[in-house]
Each structure stands twice: as C-alpha cells, then as structure tokens.
Protein backbone atom coordinates (compact mmCIF):
# COMPACT_ATOMS: atom_id res chain seq x y z
CA UNK A 1 136.59 102.60 124.10
CA UNK A 2 133.62 104.35 125.70
CA UNK A 3 133.56 105.15 129.46
CA UNK A 4 131.28 102.22 130.25
CA UNK A 5 133.74 99.77 128.77
CA UNK A 6 131.89 99.19 125.51
CA UNK A 7 133.53 99.52 122.13
CA UNK A 8 130.37 101.05 120.69
CA UNK A 9 130.78 104.75 119.99
CA UNK A 10 128.07 107.02 121.51
CA UNK A 11 127.85 108.78 118.16
CA UNK A 12 126.54 105.72 116.33
CA UNK A 13 122.89 105.97 117.56
CA UNK A 14 122.81 109.60 116.47
CA UNK A 15 124.19 108.73 113.05
CA UNK A 16 121.74 105.87 112.73
CA UNK A 17 118.81 108.15 113.54
CA UNK A 18 120.07 110.72 111.05
CA UNK A 19 120.32 108.06 108.35
CA UNK A 20 116.79 106.85 109.13
CA UNK A 21 115.44 110.41 108.95
CA UNK A 22 117.13 111.00 105.59
CA UNK A 23 115.76 107.71 104.26
CA UNK A 24 112.24 108.58 105.42
CA UNK A 25 112.51 111.99 103.78
CA UNK A 26 113.66 110.41 100.52
CA UNK A 27 110.72 107.98 100.59
CA UNK A 28 108.22 110.78 101.24
CA UNK A 29 109.70 112.84 98.40
CA UNK A 30 109.60 110.01 95.86
CA UNK A 31 106.49 108.01 96.86
CA UNK A 32 103.97 110.55 95.60
CA UNK A 33 101.77 110.11 92.55
CA UNK A 34 103.48 112.92 90.64
CA UNK A 35 105.35 112.26 87.40
CA UNK A 36 108.26 114.22 85.98
CA UNK A 37 105.76 116.04 83.74
CA UNK A 38 103.87 117.19 86.85
CA UNK A 39 106.95 118.29 88.77
CA UNK A 40 107.46 121.71 87.07
CA UNK A 41 103.96 122.75 88.23
CA UNK A 42 105.04 122.24 91.87
CA UNK A 43 101.73 120.84 93.07
CA UNK A 44 99.45 122.94 90.88
CA UNK A 45 96.91 121.20 88.59
CA UNK A 46 97.15 121.48 84.82
CA UNK A 47 95.89 124.98 83.88
CA UNK A 48 92.68 125.03 81.82
CA UNK A 49 92.21 128.78 81.27
CA UNK A 50 94.27 131.61 79.85
CA UNK A 51 94.68 133.43 83.16
CA UNK A 52 95.77 130.23 84.89
CA UNK A 53 99.05 130.26 82.93
CA UNK A 54 99.91 133.63 84.47
CA UNK A 55 99.10 132.35 87.97
CA UNK A 56 101.20 129.22 87.40
CA UNK A 57 104.12 131.36 86.23
CA UNK A 58 103.88 133.50 89.38
CA UNK A 59 103.74 130.36 91.53
CA UNK A 60 106.82 128.86 89.83
CA UNK A 61 108.76 132.12 90.08
CA UNK A 62 107.95 132.41 93.79
CA UNK A 63 109.19 128.88 94.40
CA UNK A 64 112.37 129.52 92.41
CA UNK A 65 113.11 132.64 94.44
CA UNK A 66 112.30 130.88 97.72
CA UNK A 67 114.56 127.93 96.87
CA UNK A 68 117.41 130.23 95.83
CA UNK A 69 117.14 132.24 99.05
CA UNK A 70 116.82 129.07 101.11
CA UNK A 71 119.91 127.55 99.49
CA UNK A 72 121.88 130.73 100.20
CA UNK A 73 120.77 130.88 103.85
CA UNK A 74 121.43 127.19 104.49
CA UNK A 75 124.77 127.50 102.73
CA UNK A 76 125.82 130.34 105.02
CA UNK A 77 124.61 128.42 108.09
CA UNK A 78 126.54 125.28 107.14
CA UNK A 79 129.62 127.28 106.17
CA UNK A 80 129.58 129.00 109.56
CA UNK A 81 128.99 125.72 111.38
CA UNK A 82 131.80 123.80 109.68
CA UNK A 83 134.49 126.42 109.07
CA UNK A 84 134.05 128.56 112.16
CA UNK A 85 133.58 125.92 114.82
CA UNK A 86 135.84 125.95 117.83
CA UNK A 87 139.13 124.15 117.42
CA UNK A 88 139.72 121.12 119.65
CA UNK A 89 143.18 122.44 120.55
CA UNK A 90 142.11 125.98 121.35
CA UNK A 91 139.71 126.83 124.14
CA UNK A 92 139.88 130.61 124.13
CA UNK A 93 136.84 132.65 123.11
CA UNK A 94 137.09 133.73 119.44
CA UNK A 95 137.09 137.44 118.55
CA UNK A 96 133.63 138.99 119.05
CA UNK A 97 132.12 141.37 116.51
CA UNK A 98 129.45 143.89 117.47
CA UNK A 99 127.63 146.66 115.67
CA UNK A 100 128.84 145.76 112.21
CA UNK A 101 126.93 148.40 110.27
CA UNK A 102 127.53 147.01 106.75
CA UNK A 103 126.19 143.58 107.77
CA UNK A 104 123.22 145.07 109.64
CA UNK A 105 122.38 147.23 106.64
CA UNK A 106 122.70 144.18 104.41
CA UNK A 107 120.26 142.00 106.34
CA UNK A 108 117.81 144.92 106.54
CA UNK A 109 117.94 146.04 102.93
CA UNK A 110 118.04 142.62 101.25
CA UNK A 111 114.72 141.39 102.78
CA UNK A 112 113.10 144.68 101.77
CA UNK A 113 114.30 144.15 98.20
CA UNK A 114 113.00 140.57 98.21
CA UNK A 115 109.56 141.60 99.49
CA UNK A 116 109.43 144.49 97.00
CA UNK A 117 110.15 142.15 94.08
CA UNK A 118 107.45 139.73 95.24
CA UNK A 119 105.01 142.62 95.65
CA UNK A 120 105.76 143.99 92.17
CA UNK A 121 105.09 140.74 90.32
CA UNK A 122 102.03 139.94 92.46
CA UNK A 123 100.49 143.39 91.92
CA UNK A 124 101.27 143.25 88.20
CA UNK A 125 99.59 139.87 87.72
CA UNK A 126 96.67 140.70 90.02
CA UNK A 127 95.85 143.83 88.03
CA UNK A 128 95.74 141.76 84.84
CA UNK A 129 93.72 138.92 86.35
CA UNK A 130 91.12 141.26 87.87
CA UNK A 131 90.71 143.37 84.76
CA UNK A 132 87.10 143.34 83.53
CA UNK A 133 86.60 143.56 79.77
CA UNK A 134 83.52 143.05 77.63
CA UNK A 135 82.43 139.46 78.40
CA UNK A 136 80.96 137.02 75.91
CA UNK A 137 79.10 135.16 78.67
CA UNK A 138 77.95 136.32 82.12
CA UNK A 139 77.08 133.91 84.92
CA UNK A 140 75.76 135.01 88.30
CA UNK A 141 77.15 132.51 90.82
CA UNK A 142 75.02 132.38 93.97
CA UNK A 143 76.52 130.76 97.05
CA UNK A 144 74.38 129.52 99.90
CA UNK A 145 74.58 126.96 102.69
CA UNK A 146 75.31 124.32 101.35
CA UNK A 147 75.45 124.47 97.56
CA UNK A 148 75.42 126.73 94.50
CA UNK A 149 73.02 128.26 91.99
CA UNK A 150 74.02 129.49 88.54
CA UNK A 151 72.07 132.23 86.77
CA UNK A 152 72.97 132.19 83.07
CA UNK A 153 72.34 135.76 81.97
CA UNK A 154 71.64 135.08 78.31
CA UNK A 155 69.03 135.54 75.62
CA UNK A 156 67.56 132.05 75.51
CA UNK A 157 64.70 130.94 73.30
CA UNK A 158 61.66 130.24 75.45
CA UNK A 159 62.68 132.60 78.26
CA UNK A 160 61.36 136.14 78.55
CA UNK A 161 62.36 138.98 80.82
CA UNK A 162 65.18 141.46 81.30
CA UNK A 163 68.15 140.79 83.59
CA UNK A 164 68.82 144.51 83.98
CA UNK A 165 65.45 145.09 85.66
CA UNK A 166 64.86 141.68 87.24
CA UNK A 167 63.98 141.91 90.95
CA UNK A 168 65.82 138.64 91.57
CA UNK A 169 69.07 140.34 90.52
CA UNK A 170 68.62 143.52 92.59
CA UNK A 171 71.63 142.58 94.71
CA UNK A 172 73.94 143.01 91.70
CA UNK A 173 75.36 146.55 91.27
CA UNK A 174 74.55 148.54 88.14
CA UNK A 175 78.20 148.56 87.05
CA UNK A 176 77.91 144.83 86.36
CA UNK A 177 74.42 145.05 84.89
CA UNK A 178 75.72 147.38 82.18
CA UNK A 179 77.36 144.35 80.55
CA UNK A 180 74.17 142.26 80.62
CA UNK A 181 72.61 141.51 77.21
CA UNK A 182 69.42 143.42 76.46
CA UNK A 183 66.17 141.60 77.22
CA UNK A 184 68.00 138.60 78.65
CA UNK A 185 65.36 136.33 80.17
CA UNK A 186 68.01 133.79 81.15
CA UNK A 187 67.93 130.34 82.66
CA UNK A 188 69.15 128.95 85.97
CA UNK A 189 70.42 125.77 87.56
CA UNK A 190 70.50 125.15 91.33
CA UNK A 191 72.06 122.30 93.22
CA UNK A 192 72.06 120.64 96.59
CA UNK A 193 74.84 118.70 98.35
CA UNK A 194 73.26 115.50 97.03
CA UNK A 195 73.31 116.63 93.38
CA UNK A 196 75.77 114.72 91.19
CA UNK A 197 77.24 115.15 87.74
CA UNK A 198 75.63 112.50 85.49
CA UNK A 199 78.86 111.81 83.56
CA UNK A 200 81.45 111.68 86.35
CA UNK A 201 79.17 111.09 89.37
CA UNK A 202 81.11 113.81 91.20
CA UNK A 203 79.00 115.61 93.84
CA UNK A 204 77.52 119.07 93.33
CA UNK A 205 75.72 120.92 90.52
CA UNK A 206 77.41 121.41 87.16
CA UNK A 207 78.28 124.81 85.71
CA UNK A 208 78.49 124.77 81.91
CA UNK A 209 80.90 127.11 80.11
CA UNK A 210 81.83 127.61 76.43
CA UNK A 211 85.43 127.01 75.41
CA UNK A 212 87.33 130.02 74.08
CA UNK A 213 84.77 132.59 75.28
CA UNK A 214 85.39 135.28 77.89
CA UNK A 215 83.24 134.41 80.90
CA UNK A 216 82.42 136.89 83.65
CA UNK A 217 81.47 135.46 87.03
CA UNK A 218 79.35 137.79 89.16
CA UNK A 219 79.52 136.44 92.70
CA UNK A 220 76.75 136.94 95.27
CA UNK A 221 75.79 135.22 98.52
CA UNK A 222 72.51 134.56 100.31
CA UNK A 223 73.89 134.05 103.81
CA UNK A 224 77.57 133.98 104.83
CA UNK A 225 80.94 134.41 103.16
CA UNK A 226 81.83 131.65 100.70
CA UNK A 227 84.63 131.38 98.16
CA UNK A 228 84.17 130.35 94.51
CA UNK A 229 87.12 128.21 93.40
CA UNK A 230 87.41 126.38 90.09
CA UNK A 231 90.52 124.33 90.86
CA UNK A 232 92.18 124.05 87.40
CA UNK A 233 91.44 127.74 86.66
CA UNK A 234 93.86 128.44 89.59
CA UNK A 235 91.59 131.34 90.47
CA UNK A 236 89.21 131.91 93.36
CA UNK A 237 87.38 134.83 94.91
CA UNK A 238 85.25 135.46 97.97
CA UNK A 239 81.46 135.39 97.69
CA UNK A 240 80.37 138.01 100.23
CA UNK A 241 76.80 138.83 101.34
CA UNK A 242 75.97 142.46 100.58
CA UNK A 243 79.11 142.92 98.49
CA UNK A 244 79.39 141.76 94.87
CA UNK A 245 82.68 140.51 93.42
CA UNK A 246 83.46 139.61 89.82
CA UNK A 247 86.27 138.20 87.72
CA UNK A 248 86.70 136.87 84.20
CA UNK A 249 88.33 133.81 82.66
CA UNK A 250 88.68 132.31 79.20
CA UNK A 251 88.41 128.48 79.41
CA UNK A 252 90.73 126.94 76.83
CA UNK A 253 90.28 123.21 77.34
CA UNK A 254 87.16 121.06 77.13
CA UNK A 255 86.41 118.70 79.97
CA UNK A 256 84.74 118.39 83.35
CA UNK A 257 86.63 119.92 86.27
CA UNK A 258 86.16 120.22 90.01
CA UNK A 259 85.14 123.29 91.95
CA UNK A 260 84.60 123.91 95.65
CA UNK A 261 84.01 126.49 98.34
CA UNK A 262 87.40 127.62 99.67
CA UNK A 263 86.08 129.57 102.67
CA UNK A 264 85.10 127.85 105.92
CA UNK A 265 81.40 128.71 105.91
CA UNK A 266 79.87 126.38 108.47
CA UNK A 267 79.31 122.80 109.50
CA UNK A 268 78.74 121.45 105.95
CA UNK A 269 81.38 123.55 104.23
CA UNK A 270 83.08 120.40 102.88
CA UNK A 271 79.90 119.50 100.96
CA UNK A 272 79.83 122.75 98.97
CA UNK A 273 81.21 121.17 95.81
CA UNK A 274 80.39 121.76 92.17
CA UNK A 275 81.55 120.77 88.71
CA UNK A 276 82.55 122.87 85.72
CA UNK A 277 81.90 121.42 82.28
CA UNK A 278 83.67 123.24 79.44
CA UNK A 279 82.17 122.46 76.04
CA UNK A 280 82.03 123.94 72.56
CA UNK A 281 80.02 127.16 72.16
CA UNK A 282 77.40 125.25 70.16
CA UNK A 283 76.94 122.64 72.88
CA UNK A 284 76.76 125.42 75.47
CA UNK A 285 73.89 127.12 73.62
CA UNK A 286 72.13 123.78 73.33
CA UNK A 287 72.44 123.24 77.09
CA UNK A 288 70.80 126.61 77.78
CA UNK A 289 67.90 125.62 75.54
CA UNK A 290 67.59 122.33 77.42
CA UNK A 291 67.34 124.22 80.72
CA UNK A 292 64.59 126.41 79.21
CA UNK A 293 62.71 123.32 78.04
CA UNK A 294 62.86 121.95 81.58
CA UNK A 295 61.19 125.10 82.83
CA UNK A 296 64.29 126.51 84.54
CA UNK A 297 63.75 129.97 83.06
CA UNK A 298 64.34 133.33 84.68
CA UNK A 299 66.63 133.84 87.67
CA UNK A 300 66.82 132.65 91.23
CA UNK A 301 67.35 135.35 93.89
CA UNK A 302 70.94 136.49 93.73
CA UNK A 303 71.37 137.06 97.43
CA UNK A 304 71.52 139.71 100.13
CA UNK A 305 71.04 143.29 98.94
CA UNK A 306 73.98 145.65 98.86
CA UNK A 307 75.10 147.12 102.15
CA UNK A 308 75.13 150.88 102.66
CA UNK A 309 78.91 150.90 102.34
CA UNK A 310 78.71 149.15 98.98
CA UNK A 311 76.00 151.53 97.73
CA UNK A 312 78.13 154.51 98.75
CA UNK A 313 81.05 153.06 96.82
CA UNK A 314 78.80 152.74 93.79
CA UNK A 315 77.79 156.40 94.03
CA UNK A 316 81.36 157.59 94.50
CA UNK A 317 82.52 155.69 91.42
CA UNK A 318 79.97 157.29 89.11
C-alpha cells in the first residue's frame, strides 16, 4: 500500500507513460509511405545514374556502421545500468576506479579508428565522383535568383558560333572550355519560377539529358551562391559566383526527375526548382533542334567573371 493509503503503485504512471511512448514510436516507425523495397535505401530515392549507386553504397555503409556502434554503446549502457546497480541490501559505496589507462586508451583510439575508416571511404568515393573524363555532352548550368538557365554546348543545326570564344561564356575557365566541341553554336533554355514542365506540371524549367551518355555540368552563378541538386542522381554541388565548379554523371534511366537549389540563397530560395528529363540520345538531339527552331540559339551569359583568386589558381595549374 502506498503512503497515502491507496493501493495504486506510484510506478504505474511511469510505466504507463513508457508504454505510450513506445507505442507512439512504433506508430511513427511503421506509418510512413515506405515499402520493404524502399527500406534498404534508408530514405534515399531510387538512383538514376551510375555514380548514384556509389553514393547509395556509402550512405548504407555509414548507417550500418552507425547502427553497429550505437547498438554496442547502448548495450554497454544497459549492461552497466542493470548489472552494476546498487544492491537494495547494501548501502556502502562500491569500489571506485580512477586513471584506468587501458580503458582511457581504448575510448581514445577507437573513435579515431572509426573516423579514419569513415574518412577513407568518403575520400575514395569523392575522388571517383569528382573525376572529370572526356564528356559526351556538356551543359553550362547558370543559377540566378530565382531560377535556372541551361546552355547546351553542342553543334546544333541552325546555330552558329563557337563556345570556346563566346563572350557569354567568358566566366568559364579555359580548363573546361578545352572539352567544348569545336564551333559549337549551341542552344539555351531559361526558366522562371512560374515555368512548368508540360508533361508533369512540376514547377521550374526542364533540363534534357541523353540516357547512357557522360554529361558534364559546368556550374556558374550570376549573383549569389546556389546549389545544383538533381535529387535521384544523389549528387549536388555549389554554384558559386566567380568560381566555376563541374562534375559528371551518366544517367541510366529514362524519366522526368526533380531538381532544386540546395543552398539557402534568399527569400525565394524554395521556388528555385527545375526538372530533369532523361531521354534517348536521338530524342535529345531532336530537342536541341527544336530549341534552335524556336530561336533559342547561342548562349545566355554564364555569370560573374572569375575572381582574382580563381584566375591565379588557373595560372598555377598550367
């Protein structure tokens, strides 16, 4: 009987709250829209490019390591709590241990090993993902408040000019221009926040890419820092004014996918959306011709010219 004369144990409300918390956690864990096929990706979308498989593997490995370490830590905590709690019949202070050098060395060395392993696999995959080879297609992605422009640097019938000498592309360093096709007049497509994809009605302009071809994105900005993120490619990179970035992907699945700016760039950042439509190489070439027929030939200004620091880096790399 409790001190106030009631038969109700004071531990029951605590147990009831614990049961309610466990039930709520179970509901949250099972009431999502994920299926068992989605679960191994651990929240990642289905990869649609060759490099995305490597990123997904790194993501899964990181989760596996984190769960294993978490299980070990929680196991040690629970073991200590249950098997080393004070006995009800003994009130003396248990033996105290100080300056245990083996244990201190253990909890210093083990985290260093864990971080080193994470660093190794991250650096290995990053070096592969950022490797620039000879691209089949080059697209200059131009970010601006609050949308995107796409300069398709290609030889297109009906478009004349040379991307390597175009004043609109002066912001792009020569090391990227070396991979441009000769006498590439090119075509362009610019969007606004109100632009929508005609097939899906998703907001933003649509970037067309050929399936199975190596695509190089050359990223430039006209104003502030943005971030170019094609969600199912599992790859994103900053779009920095005065500093050009680039990466390559090989799309391996046809379809229309979502893209967005992943860098907080101002009041309408959330409206900087775009679409990526992956089609056959033949349909891609036809789309470029359609842009030329619409009069969207040549290139739109790529963005802010290189900073002095970036120009110095160019000179030092020669």
